[in-house]
Amino acid sequence: DGFFENLREKFLLDGMYARLNVMVAEKGGRGRLPPELDVPQDIIGRARLWAHYTPPQTGNLSEQPLAVPYTADAERLAEELFEKQEDECEKARKNEEPQWKISVWNRACEIALRYALIYACSIALKPEDTVITADAIRWGEKFMWWGIRNKFFLTERHYFRTDFERIAESVIEIMRRWHRKNGEETPMP
């Protein structure tokens, strides 16, 4: 709690924020632990394969990235995704969006491909058989669109350049809640 409320302009503008995958979890219930999940054995087994996977010529000191192949249709979708990213960046510039939003759009394809890799890894029977497919790209793109819209919404709702903006928004929110509870036409005392 408090992540968005503590954002500062420097953090938004230096590119770090654009690189983050932000997933907001629901607040936990008071006084009780969450239920234990019953994880299927095939998922545990696949996770163990990944935990013990050490590809040849890799490691902490390796300069060789481990390339994951794409299917031909996935490669085409990835190229289209990059074009969509460029279109969104251009639209944001034309609309004179804040620089932090343009920075996020500039990373959209990278984010989607990261998610596509996670998808591909999750369905591969063995780590060395991982291939990025069209389905992986589509899933990654869908997740990326959701993530960016969510990041924009939460940032715009909670980030303020000054303390005055923050306090003014909290007063407005108090008024909104009061009117939701008591009716829009009812004057607030």
N, C-alpha and C. Protein backbone atom coordinates (compact mmCIF):
# COMPACT_ATOMS: atom_id res chain seq x y z
N ASP A 1 0.85 -1.18 0.00
CA ASP A 1 0.00 0.00 0.00
C ASP A 1 0.89 1.24 0.00
N GLY A 2 0.52 2.24 -0.77
CA GLY A 2 1.28 3.47 -0.78
C GLY A 2 2.26 3.60 -1.94
N PHE A 3 2.39 2.59 -2.78
CA PHE A 3 3.35 2.67 -3.90
C PHE A 3 3.04 3.88 -4.78
N PHE A 4 1.82 3.98 -5.27
CA PHE A 4 1.49 5.06 -6.18
C PHE A 4 1.49 6.42 -5.49
N GLU A 5 1.08 6.43 -4.22
CA GLU A 5 1.06 7.68 -3.49
C GLU A 5 2.46 8.25 -3.28
N ASN A 6 3.48 7.42 -3.36
CA ASN A 6 4.85 7.85 -3.13
C ASN A 6 5.67 8.03 -4.41
N LEU A 7 5.01 8.01 -5.56
CA LEU A 7 5.72 8.24 -6.81
C LEU A 7 6.22 9.68 -6.86
N ARG A 8 7.38 9.85 -7.44
CA ARG A 8 7.95 11.18 -7.62
C ARG A 8 8.27 11.37 -9.10
N GLU A 9 8.25 12.60 -9.54
CA GLU A 9 8.43 12.90 -10.95
C GLU A 9 9.73 12.32 -11.52
N LYS A 10 10.81 12.42 -10.78
CA LYS A 10 12.09 11.89 -11.25
C LYS A 10 11.99 10.40 -11.57
N PHE A 11 11.31 9.66 -10.72
CA PHE A 11 11.13 8.22 -10.93
C PHE A 11 10.31 7.95 -12.19
N LEU A 12 9.28 8.77 -12.42
CA LEU A 12 8.44 8.59 -13.61
C LEU A 12 9.21 8.89 -14.89
N LEU A 13 10.13 9.84 -14.82
CA LEU A 13 10.78 10.33 -16.03
C LEU A 13 12.09 9.64 -16.38
N ASP A 14 12.71 8.94 -15.45
CA ASP A 14 14.03 8.37 -15.74
C ASP A 14 13.98 7.03 -16.47
N GLY A 15 12.78 6.55 -16.80
CA GLY A 15 12.65 5.31 -17.56
C GLY A 15 12.46 4.07 -16.70
N MET A 16 12.78 4.17 -15.43
CA MET A 16 12.62 3.01 -14.55
C MET A 16 11.16 2.60 -14.42
N TYR A 17 10.30 3.59 -14.28
CA TYR A 17 8.87 3.30 -14.12
C TYR A 17 8.31 2.58 -15.34
N ALA A 18 8.77 2.97 -16.52
CA ALA A 18 8.31 2.33 -17.75
C ALA A 18 8.73 0.86 -17.81
N ARG A 19 9.83 0.51 -17.15
CA ARG A 19 10.32 -0.86 -17.17
C ARG A 19 9.61 -1.77 -16.15
N LEU A 20 8.93 -1.17 -15.19
CA LEU A 20 8.29 -1.96 -14.14
C LEU A 20 7.01 -2.63 -14.62
N ASN A 21 6.80 -3.84 -14.19
CA ASN A 21 5.51 -4.51 -14.35
C ASN A 21 4.81 -4.35 -13.01
N VAL A 22 3.75 -3.58 -13.00
CA VAL A 22 3.06 -3.26 -11.75
C VAL A 22 1.76 -4.04 -11.69
N MET A 23 1.67 -4.92 -10.72
CA MET A 23 0.44 -5.69 -10.49
C MET A 23 -0.03 -5.36 -9.08
N VAL A 24 -1.22 -4.81 -8.97
CA VAL A 24 -1.75 -4.43 -7.67
C VAL A 24 -2.62 -5.56 -7.15
N ALA A 25 -2.27 -6.05 -5.98
CA ALA A 25 -3.02 -7.15 -5.37
C ALA A 25 -4.10 -6.58 -4.46
N GLU A 26 -5.11 -7.38 -4.24
CA GLU A 26 -6.16 -6.96 -3.32
C GLU A 26 -5.60 -6.89 -1.91
N LYS A 27 -6.21 -6.06 -1.10
CA LYS A 27 -5.79 -5.97 0.29
C LYS A 27 -6.20 -7.25 1.00
N GLY A 28 -5.33 -7.73 1.88
CA GLY A 28 -5.62 -8.95 2.64
C GLY A 28 -6.72 -8.73 3.67
N GLY A 29 -7.41 -9.79 3.99
CA GLY A 29 -8.44 -9.72 5.01
C GLY A 29 -7.81 -9.58 6.39
N ARG A 30 -8.51 -8.96 7.28
CA ARG A 30 -7.97 -8.76 8.62
C ARG A 30 -8.25 -9.99 9.47
N GLY A 31 -7.25 -10.43 10.21
CA GLY A 31 -7.43 -11.48 11.19
C GLY A 31 -7.47 -12.90 10.67
N ARG A 32 -7.20 -13.09 9.39
CA ARG A 32 -7.19 -14.47 8.88
C ARG A 32 -6.13 -14.61 7.79
N LEU A 33 -5.57 -15.79 7.74
CA LEU A 33 -4.56 -16.08 6.72
C LEU A 33 -5.25 -16.49 5.43
N PRO A 34 -4.63 -16.21 4.29
CA PRO A 34 -5.23 -16.68 3.04
C PRO A 34 -5.19 -18.20 2.99
N PRO A 35 -6.14 -18.81 2.31
CA PRO A 35 -6.15 -20.28 2.25
C PRO A 35 -4.95 -20.81 1.49
N GLU A 36 -4.47 -21.97 1.91
CA GLU A 36 -3.37 -22.63 1.20
C GLU A 36 -3.86 -23.06 -0.18
N LEU A 37 -3.05 -22.79 -1.21
CA LEU A 37 -3.41 -23.22 -2.55
C LEU A 37 -3.00 -24.66 -2.75
N ASP A 38 -3.82 -25.41 -3.42
CA ASP A 38 -3.51 -26.78 -3.76
C ASP A 38 -2.93 -26.78 -5.17
N VAL A 39 -1.61 -26.70 -5.26
CA VAL A 39 -0.93 -26.61 -6.55
C VAL A 39 -0.82 -28.01 -7.15
N PRO A 40 -1.30 -28.19 -8.39
CA PRO A 40 -1.22 -29.50 -9.04
C PRO A 40 0.23 -29.98 -9.19
N GLN A 41 0.43 -31.27 -9.07
CA GLN A 41 1.77 -31.85 -9.14
C GLN A 41 2.48 -31.59 -10.46
N ASP A 42 1.74 -31.54 -11.57
CA ASP A 42 2.41 -31.28 -12.86
C ASP A 42 3.01 -29.87 -12.90
N ILE A 43 2.38 -28.92 -12.24
CA ILE A 43 2.94 -27.57 -12.18
C ILE A 43 4.18 -27.56 -11.29
N ILE A 44 4.12 -28.26 -10.18
CA ILE A 44 5.29 -28.35 -9.29
C ILE A 44 6.45 -29.03 -10.02
N GLY A 45 6.15 -30.09 -10.75
CA GLY A 45 7.18 -30.80 -11.50
C GLY A 45 7.82 -29.92 -12.56
N ARG A 46 7.00 -29.16 -13.28
CA ARG A 46 7.53 -28.28 -14.32
C ARG A 46 8.36 -27.16 -13.69
N ALA A 47 7.92 -26.64 -12.56
CA ALA A 47 8.68 -25.60 -11.86
C ALA A 47 10.05 -26.14 -11.43
N ARG A 48 10.09 -27.40 -11.00
CA ARG A 48 11.38 -28.00 -10.61
C ARG A 48 12.32 -28.09 -11.81
N LEU A 49 11.77 -28.45 -12.99
CA LEU A 49 12.61 -28.50 -14.18
C LEU A 49 13.26 -27.15 -14.44
N TRP A 50 12.48 -26.08 -14.32
CA TRP A 50 13.01 -24.74 -14.54
C TRP A 50 14.01 -24.36 -13.46
N ALA A 51 13.73 -24.73 -12.23
CA ALA A 51 14.63 -24.37 -11.13
C ALA A 51 16.00 -25.01 -11.30
N HIS A 52 16.04 -26.17 -11.91
CA HIS A 52 17.31 -26.89 -12.07
C HIS A 52 17.88 -26.78 -13.48
N TYR A 53 17.29 -25.96 -14.31
CA TYR A 53 17.72 -25.82 -15.69
C TYR A 53 18.95 -24.92 -15.78
N THR A 54 20.03 -25.45 -16.31
CA THR A 54 21.25 -24.68 -16.55
C THR A 54 21.68 -24.98 -17.99
N PRO A 55 21.31 -24.10 -18.90
CA PRO A 55 21.69 -24.34 -20.30
C PRO A 55 23.20 -24.31 -20.46
N PRO A 56 23.73 -25.01 -21.43
CA PRO A 56 25.17 -25.00 -21.65
C PRO A 56 25.66 -23.59 -21.98
N GLN A 57 26.84 -23.27 -21.52
CA GLN A 57 27.52 -22.01 -21.76
C GLN A 57 26.72 -20.80 -21.26
N THR A 58 26.05 -20.98 -20.14
CA THR A 58 25.35 -19.85 -19.53
C THR A 58 25.73 -19.81 -18.07
N GLY A 59 25.36 -18.77 -17.41
CA GLY A 59 25.67 -18.62 -16.00
C GLY A 59 25.83 -17.16 -15.67
N ASN A 60 26.22 -16.90 -14.46
CA ASN A 60 26.33 -15.51 -14.01
C ASN A 60 27.34 -14.70 -14.81
N LEU A 61 28.38 -15.33 -15.31
CA LEU A 61 29.43 -14.60 -16.02
C LEU A 61 29.32 -14.73 -17.54
N SER A 62 28.27 -15.35 -18.01
CA SER A 62 28.11 -15.57 -19.44
C SER A 62 27.68 -14.29 -20.14
N GLU A 63 28.28 -14.05 -21.29
CA GLU A 63 27.87 -12.92 -22.12
C GLU A 63 26.99 -13.40 -23.26
N GLN A 64 26.72 -14.68 -23.31
CA GLN A 64 25.89 -15.25 -24.34
C GLN A 64 24.43 -15.27 -23.89
N PRO A 65 23.57 -14.47 -24.50
CA PRO A 65 22.15 -14.58 -24.14
C PRO A 65 21.58 -15.89 -24.67
N LEU A 66 20.63 -16.41 -23.97
CA LEU A 66 19.97 -17.64 -24.39
C LEU A 66 18.81 -17.25 -25.30
N ALA A 67 18.96 -17.51 -26.57
CA ALA A 67 17.92 -17.14 -27.54
C ALA A 67 16.78 -18.14 -27.50
N VAL A 68 15.57 -17.62 -27.52
CA VAL A 68 14.38 -18.46 -27.59
C VAL A 68 13.79 -18.27 -28.98
N PRO A 69 13.62 -19.35 -29.73
CA PRO A 69 13.13 -19.19 -31.10
C PRO A 69 11.65 -18.79 -31.15
N TYR A 70 11.29 -18.14 -32.26
CA TYR A 70 9.92 -17.76 -32.56
C TYR A 70 9.42 -18.64 -33.70
N THR A 71 8.14 -18.92 -33.72
CA THR A 71 7.56 -19.52 -34.92
C THR A 71 7.41 -18.38 -35.94
N ALA A 72 7.26 -18.71 -37.21
CA ALA A 72 7.17 -17.68 -38.26
C ALA A 72 5.99 -16.75 -38.02
N ASP A 73 4.83 -17.30 -37.65
CA ASP A 73 3.67 -16.44 -37.43
C ASP A 73 3.85 -15.58 -36.18
N ALA A 74 4.58 -16.06 -35.19
CA ALA A 74 4.84 -15.27 -33.99
C ALA A 74 5.78 -14.11 -34.32
N GLU A 75 6.75 -14.37 -35.17
CA GLU A 75 7.68 -13.30 -35.54
C GLU A 75 6.94 -12.18 -36.27
N ARG A 76 6.00 -12.55 -37.14
CA ARG A 76 5.20 -11.55 -37.85
C ARG A 76 4.36 -10.74 -36.85
N LEU A 77 3.75 -11.43 -35.87
CA LEU A 77 2.95 -10.73 -34.85
C LEU A 77 3.80 -9.80 -34.00
N ALA A 78 5.03 -10.22 -33.70
CA ALA A 78 5.93 -9.37 -32.92
C ALA A 78 6.28 -8.10 -33.69
N GLU A 79 6.49 -8.23 -35.00
CA GLU A 79 6.76 -7.05 -35.82
C GLU A 79 5.55 -6.11 -35.86
N GLU A 80 4.35 -6.68 -35.96
CA GLU A 80 3.12 -5.87 -35.94
C GLU A 80 2.97 -5.18 -34.58
N LEU A 81 3.34 -5.88 -33.54
CA LEU A 81 3.26 -5.32 -32.19
C LEU A 81 4.19 -4.11 -32.07
N PHE A 82 5.37 -4.20 -32.65
CA PHE A 82 6.30 -3.07 -32.61
C PHE A 82 5.71 -1.87 -33.37
N GLU A 83 5.04 -2.13 -34.49
CA GLU A 83 4.40 -1.05 -35.24
C GLU A 83 3.28 -0.40 -34.42
N LYS A 84 2.50 -1.20 -33.68
CA LYS A 84 1.45 -0.66 -32.81
C LYS A 84 2.07 0.21 -31.72
N GLN A 85 3.21 -0.23 -31.19
CA GLN A 85 3.91 0.55 -30.18
C GLN A 85 4.30 1.91 -30.75
N GLU A 86 4.86 1.91 -31.94
CA GLU A 86 5.27 3.17 -32.57
C GLU A 86 4.07 4.08 -32.81
N ASP A 87 2.93 3.50 -33.22
CA ASP A 87 1.71 4.28 -33.42
C ASP A 87 1.25 4.91 -32.12
N GLU A 88 1.28 4.16 -31.02
CA GLU A 88 0.86 4.68 -29.71
C GLU A 88 1.79 5.78 -29.24
N CYS A 89 3.09 5.61 -29.45
CA CYS A 89 4.06 6.66 -29.08
C CYS A 89 3.78 7.94 -29.86
N GLU A 90 3.56 7.79 -31.16
CA GLU A 90 3.29 8.96 -32.00
C GLU A 90 1.99 9.65 -31.58
N LYS A 91 0.96 8.87 -31.30
CA LYS A 91 -0.31 9.44 -30.85
C LYS A 91 -0.13 10.18 -29.53
N ALA A 92 0.63 9.60 -28.60
CA ALA A 92 0.88 10.23 -27.30
C ALA A 92 1.63 11.55 -27.48
N ARG A 93 2.61 11.57 -28.40
CA ARG A 93 3.35 12.81 -28.65
C ARG A 93 2.43 13.89 -29.24
N LYS A 94 1.60 13.49 -30.22
CA LYS A 94 0.67 14.45 -30.84
C LYS A 94 -0.32 15.00 -29.83
N ASN A 95 -0.76 14.16 -28.90
CA ASN A 95 -1.71 14.59 -27.87
C ASN A 95 -1.02 15.29 -26.70
N GLU A 96 0.30 15.46 -26.84
CA GLU A 96 1.10 16.11 -25.80
C GLU A 96 0.91 15.46 -24.43
N GLU A 97 0.92 14.13 -24.44
CA GLU A 97 0.84 13.36 -23.20
C GLU A 97 2.11 13.60 -22.38
N PRO A 98 2.04 13.37 -21.07
CA PRO A 98 3.25 13.53 -20.25
C PRO A 98 4.36 12.58 -20.72
N GLN A 99 5.59 12.99 -20.52
CA GLN A 99 6.74 12.21 -20.97
C GLN A 99 6.74 10.80 -20.37
N TRP A 100 6.29 10.65 -19.12
CA TRP A 100 6.30 9.32 -18.51
C TRP A 100 5.37 8.36 -19.26
N LYS A 101 4.26 8.86 -19.82
CA LYS A 101 3.37 7.98 -20.60
C LYS A 101 4.04 7.56 -21.91
N ILE A 102 4.70 8.50 -22.56
CA ILE A 102 5.41 8.17 -23.80
C ILE A 102 6.49 7.13 -23.51
N SER A 103 7.15 7.27 -22.38
CA SER A 103 8.18 6.32 -21.98
C SER A 103 7.59 4.92 -21.78
N VAL A 104 6.40 4.86 -21.19
CA VAL A 104 5.73 3.57 -21.01
C VAL A 104 5.38 2.98 -22.37
N TRP A 105 4.79 3.80 -23.26
CA TRP A 105 4.45 3.30 -24.60
C TRP A 105 5.70 2.83 -25.35
N ASN A 106 6.81 3.49 -25.11
CA ASN A 106 8.05 3.13 -25.78
C ASN A 106 8.55 1.74 -25.38
N ARG A 107 8.05 1.22 -24.28
CA ARG A 107 8.44 -0.11 -23.80
C ARG A 107 7.35 -1.16 -24.03
N ALA A 108 6.25 -0.80 -24.68
CA ALA A 108 5.10 -1.69 -24.81
C ALA A 108 5.47 -3.03 -25.46
N CYS A 109 6.18 -2.98 -26.57
CA CYS A 109 6.54 -4.22 -27.27
C CYS A 109 7.44 -5.08 -26.39
N GLU A 110 8.42 -4.46 -25.76
CA GLU A 110 9.32 -5.19 -24.86
C GLU A 110 8.53 -5.89 -23.75
N ILE A 111 7.58 -5.18 -23.17
CA ILE A 111 6.76 -5.74 -22.09
C ILE A 111 5.95 -6.93 -22.61
N ALA A 112 5.30 -6.75 -23.76
CA ALA A 112 4.49 -7.83 -24.33
C ALA A 112 5.34 -9.06 -24.65
N LEU A 113 6.54 -8.85 -25.17
CA LEU A 113 7.41 -9.98 -25.49
C LEU A 113 7.91 -10.68 -24.22
N ARG A 114 8.11 -9.92 -23.17
CA ARG A 114 8.48 -10.52 -21.89
C ARG A 114 7.35 -11.44 -21.40
N TYR A 115 6.12 -10.94 -21.50
CA TYR A 115 4.97 -11.77 -21.11
C TYR A 115 4.83 -12.98 -22.03
N ALA A 116 5.09 -12.79 -23.32
CA ALA A 116 5.01 -13.91 -24.26
C ALA A 116 6.03 -14.98 -23.90
N LEU A 117 7.21 -14.56 -23.47
CA LEU A 117 8.23 -15.52 -23.05
C LEU A 117 7.76 -16.29 -21.81
N ILE A 118 7.16 -15.59 -20.88
CA ILE A 118 6.63 -16.27 -19.68
C ILE A 118 5.59 -17.30 -20.09
N TYR A 119 4.71 -16.94 -21.00
CA TYR A 119 3.69 -17.86 -21.50
C TYR A 119 4.36 -19.08 -22.15
N ALA A 120 5.34 -18.83 -23.03
CA ALA A 120 6.02 -19.92 -23.73
C ALA A 120 6.72 -20.85 -22.75
N CYS A 121 7.35 -20.28 -21.73
CA CYS A 121 8.02 -21.10 -20.71
C CYS A 121 7.00 -21.94 -19.94
N SER A 122 5.83 -21.35 -19.69
CA SER A 122 4.84 -22.06 -18.87
C SER A 122 4.22 -23.26 -19.59
N ILE A 123 4.24 -23.25 -20.93
CA ILE A 123 3.63 -24.38 -21.64
C ILE A 123 4.65 -25.37 -22.19
N ALA A 124 5.93 -25.02 -22.16
CA ALA A 124 6.97 -25.92 -22.65
C ALA A 124 7.09 -27.12 -21.71
N LEU A 125 7.14 -28.31 -22.27
CA LEU A 125 7.27 -29.50 -21.43
C LEU A 125 8.65 -29.59 -20.80
N LYS A 126 9.67 -29.09 -21.52
CA LYS A 126 11.03 -29.03 -21.00
C LYS A 126 11.57 -27.64 -21.32
N PRO A 127 12.37 -27.07 -20.44
CA PRO A 127 12.89 -25.71 -20.71
C PRO A 127 13.57 -25.57 -22.07
N GLU A 128 14.32 -26.57 -22.48
CA GLU A 128 15.04 -26.47 -23.76
C GLU A 128 14.10 -26.51 -24.97
N ASP A 129 12.82 -26.84 -24.76
CA ASP A 129 11.84 -26.88 -25.85
C ASP A 129 11.01 -25.60 -25.95
N THR A 130 11.38 -24.57 -25.23
CA THR A 130 10.61 -23.32 -25.23
C THR A 130 10.66 -22.65 -26.60
N VAL A 131 9.48 -22.33 -27.13
CA VAL A 131 9.35 -21.64 -28.41
C VAL A 131 8.24 -20.59 -28.24
N ILE A 132 8.50 -19.39 -28.72
CA ILE A 132 7.47 -18.34 -28.66
C ILE A 132 6.57 -18.49 -29.87
N THR A 133 5.31 -18.77 -29.59
CA THR A 133 4.31 -19.02 -30.64
C THR A 133 3.41 -17.79 -30.80
N ALA A 134 2.55 -17.85 -31.82
CA ALA A 134 1.58 -16.77 -32.03
C ALA A 134 0.66 -16.65 -30.83
N ASP A 135 0.25 -17.78 -30.24
CA ASP A 135 -0.60 -17.72 -29.05
C ASP A 135 0.11 -17.00 -27.90
N ALA A 136 1.41 -17.25 -27.76
CA ALA A 136 2.18 -16.58 -26.70
C ALA A 136 2.22 -15.07 -26.94
N ILE A 137 2.42 -14.67 -28.19
CA ILE A 137 2.46 -13.24 -28.52
C ILE A 137 1.10 -12.60 -28.25
N ARG A 138 0.03 -13.27 -28.68
CA ARG A 138 -1.32 -12.71 -28.46
C ARG A 138 -1.61 -12.57 -26.96
N TRP A 139 -1.24 -13.58 -26.17
CA TRP A 139 -1.45 -13.52 -24.72
C TRP A 139 -0.62 -12.40 -24.11
N GLY A 140 0.64 -12.30 -24.53
CA GLY A 140 1.52 -11.25 -24.01
C GLY A 140 1.01 -9.87 -24.37
N GLU A 141 0.50 -9.72 -25.59
CA GLU A 141 -0.03 -8.42 -26.00
C GLU A 141 -1.28 -8.06 -25.19
N LYS A 142 -2.15 -9.02 -25.01
CA LYS A 142 -3.37 -8.76 -24.24
C LYS A 142 -3.03 -8.35 -22.80
N PHE A 143 -2.09 -9.05 -22.20
CA PHE A 143 -1.67 -8.75 -20.84
C PHE A 143 -0.99 -7.38 -20.78
N MET A 144 -0.19 -7.06 -21.81
CA MET A 144 0.50 -5.77 -21.88
C MET A 144 -0.51 -4.63 -21.95
N TRP A 145 -1.53 -4.74 -22.82
CA TRP A 145 -2.54 -3.68 -22.93
C TRP A 145 -3.22 -3.46 -21.58
N TRP A 146 -3.58 -4.56 -20.92
CA TRP A 146 -4.22 -4.43 -19.61
C TRP A 146 -3.26 -3.74 -18.64
N GLY A 147 -2.02 -4.17 -18.61
CA GLY A 147 -1.05 -3.62 -17.67
C GLY A 147 -0.81 -2.14 -17.88
N ILE A 148 -0.71 -1.71 -19.13
CA ILE A 148 -0.47 -0.30 -19.41
C ILE A 148 -1.69 0.54 -19.02
N ARG A 149 -2.89 0.09 -19.40
CA ARG A 149 -4.10 0.83 -19.00
C ARG A 149 -4.20 0.92 -17.49
N ASN A 150 -3.90 -0.17 -16.81
CA ASN A 150 -3.95 -0.20 -15.35
C ASN A 150 -2.91 0.74 -14.74
N LYS A 151 -1.70 0.72 -15.29
CA LYS A 151 -0.63 1.60 -14.80
C LYS A 151 -1.02 3.07 -14.99
N PHE A 152 -1.57 3.40 -16.16
CA PHE A 152 -2.00 4.78 -16.41
C PHE A 152 -3.10 5.19 -15.43
N PHE A 153 -4.10 4.34 -15.28
CA PHE A 153 -5.22 4.66 -14.39
C PHE A 153 -4.74 4.90 -12.96
N LEU A 154 -3.97 3.98 -12.44
CA LEU A 154 -3.53 4.09 -11.05
C LEU A 154 -2.57 5.26 -10.84
N THR A 155 -1.73 5.50 -11.81
CA THR A 155 -0.79 6.62 -11.69
C THR A 155 -1.56 7.94 -11.71
N GLU A 156 -2.47 8.08 -12.66
CA GLU A 156 -3.24 9.32 -12.75
C GLU A 156 -4.10 9.53 -11.51
N ARG A 157 -4.55 8.47 -10.92
CA ARG A 157 -5.40 8.57 -9.73
C ARG A 157 -4.60 8.92 -8.48
N HIS A 158 -3.35 8.48 -8.40
CA HIS A 158 -2.60 8.61 -7.15
C HIS A 158 -1.38 9.51 -7.20
N TYR A 159 -0.91 9.85 -8.40
CA TYR A 159 0.30 10.67 -8.48
C TYR A 159 -0.06 12.15 -8.57
N PHE A 160 0.56 12.93 -7.74
CA PHE A 160 0.34 14.38 -7.74
C PHE A 160 1.71 15.06 -7.70
N ARG A 161 1.83 16.14 -8.44
CA ARG A 161 3.10 16.85 -8.50
C ARG A 161 3.38 17.64 -7.23
N THR A 162 2.32 18.06 -6.54
CA THR A 162 2.53 18.86 -5.33
C THR A 162 1.65 18.32 -4.21
N ASP A 163 2.00 18.68 -2.99
CA ASP A 163 1.17 18.29 -1.84
C ASP A 163 -0.21 18.94 -1.93
N PHE A 164 -0.28 20.15 -2.47
CA PHE A 164 -1.57 20.81 -2.61
C PHE A 164 -2.49 19.99 -3.51
N GLU A 165 -1.98 19.50 -4.66
CA GLU A 165 -2.78 18.66 -5.56
C GLU A 165 -3.28 17.42 -4.82
N ARG A 166 -2.41 16.81 -4.05
CA ARG A 166 -2.76 15.59 -3.31
C ARG A 166 -3.88 15.87 -2.30
N ILE A 167 -3.75 16.96 -1.54
CA ILE A 167 -4.76 17.30 -0.53
C ILE A 167 -6.07 17.68 -1.20
N ALA A 168 -6.00 18.45 -2.27
CA ALA A 168 -7.22 18.84 -2.99
C ALA A 168 -7.97 17.60 -3.50
N GLU A 169 -7.24 16.64 -4.05
CA GLU A 169 -7.88 15.42 -4.54
C GLU A 169 -8.50 14.63 -3.40
N SER A 170 -7.87 14.59 -2.24
CA SER A 170 -8.45 13.86 -1.11
C SER A 170 -9.74 14.53 -0.63
N VAL A 171 -9.79 15.85 -0.66
CA VAL A 171 -11.02 16.57 -0.28
C VAL A 171 -12.13 16.26 -1.29
N ILE A 172 -11.79 16.29 -2.57
CA ILE A 172 -12.78 15.97 -3.61
C ILE A 172 -13.29 14.56 -3.45
N GLU A 173 -12.40 13.61 -3.12
CA GLU A 173 -12.82 12.22 -2.93
C GLU A 173 -13.77 12.09 -1.73
N ILE A 174 -13.51 12.83 -0.66
CA ILE A 174 -14.42 12.82 0.50
C ILE A 174 -15.79 13.31 0.06
N MET A 175 -15.82 14.37 -0.74
CA MET A 175 -17.10 14.91 -1.23
C MET A 175 -17.81 13.90 -2.13
N ARG A 176 -17.08 13.24 -3.02
CA ARG A 176 -17.68 12.22 -3.90
C ARG A 176 -18.32 11.10 -3.09
N ARG A 177 -17.57 10.58 -2.10
CA ARG A 177 -18.12 9.51 -1.25
C ARG A 177 -19.39 9.96 -0.53
N TRP A 178 -19.36 11.17 0.00
CA TRP A 178 -20.52 11.68 0.73
C TRP A 178 -21.72 11.75 -0.20
N HIS A 179 -21.53 12.25 -1.44
CA HIS A 179 -22.64 12.36 -2.38
C HIS A 179 -23.12 11.00 -2.88
N ARG A 180 -22.22 10.04 -3.04
CA ARG A 180 -22.66 8.69 -3.42
C ARG A 180 -23.56 8.10 -2.35
N LYS A 181 -23.20 8.35 -1.12
CA LYS A 181 -23.96 7.80 0.01
C LYS A 181 -25.27 8.56 0.23
N ASN A 182 -25.26 9.87 0.04
CA ASN A 182 -26.41 10.69 0.39
C ASN A 182 -27.19 11.25 -0.80
N GLY A 183 -26.72 11.01 -2.01
CA GLY A 183 -27.40 11.52 -3.19
C GLY A 183 -26.70 12.73 -3.75
N GLU A 184 -26.68 12.80 -5.09
CA GLU A 184 -25.99 13.89 -5.78
C GLU A 184 -26.61 15.25 -5.49
N GLU A 185 -27.91 15.28 -5.31
CA GLU A 185 -28.60 16.56 -5.15
C GLU A 185 -28.63 17.05 -3.70
N THR A 186 -28.26 16.18 -2.76
CA THR A 186 -28.30 16.56 -1.34
C THR A 186 -27.09 17.44 -1.03
N PRO A 187 -27.37 18.67 -0.49
CA PRO A 187 -26.23 19.53 -0.14
C PRO A 187 -25.40 18.94 1.00
N MET A 188 -24.11 19.14 0.91
CA MET A 188 -23.22 18.65 1.95
C MET A 188 -23.11 19.72 3.03
N PRO A 189 -23.35 19.34 4.31
CA PRO A 189 -23.29 20.35 5.38
C PRO A 189 -21.87 20.90 5.55
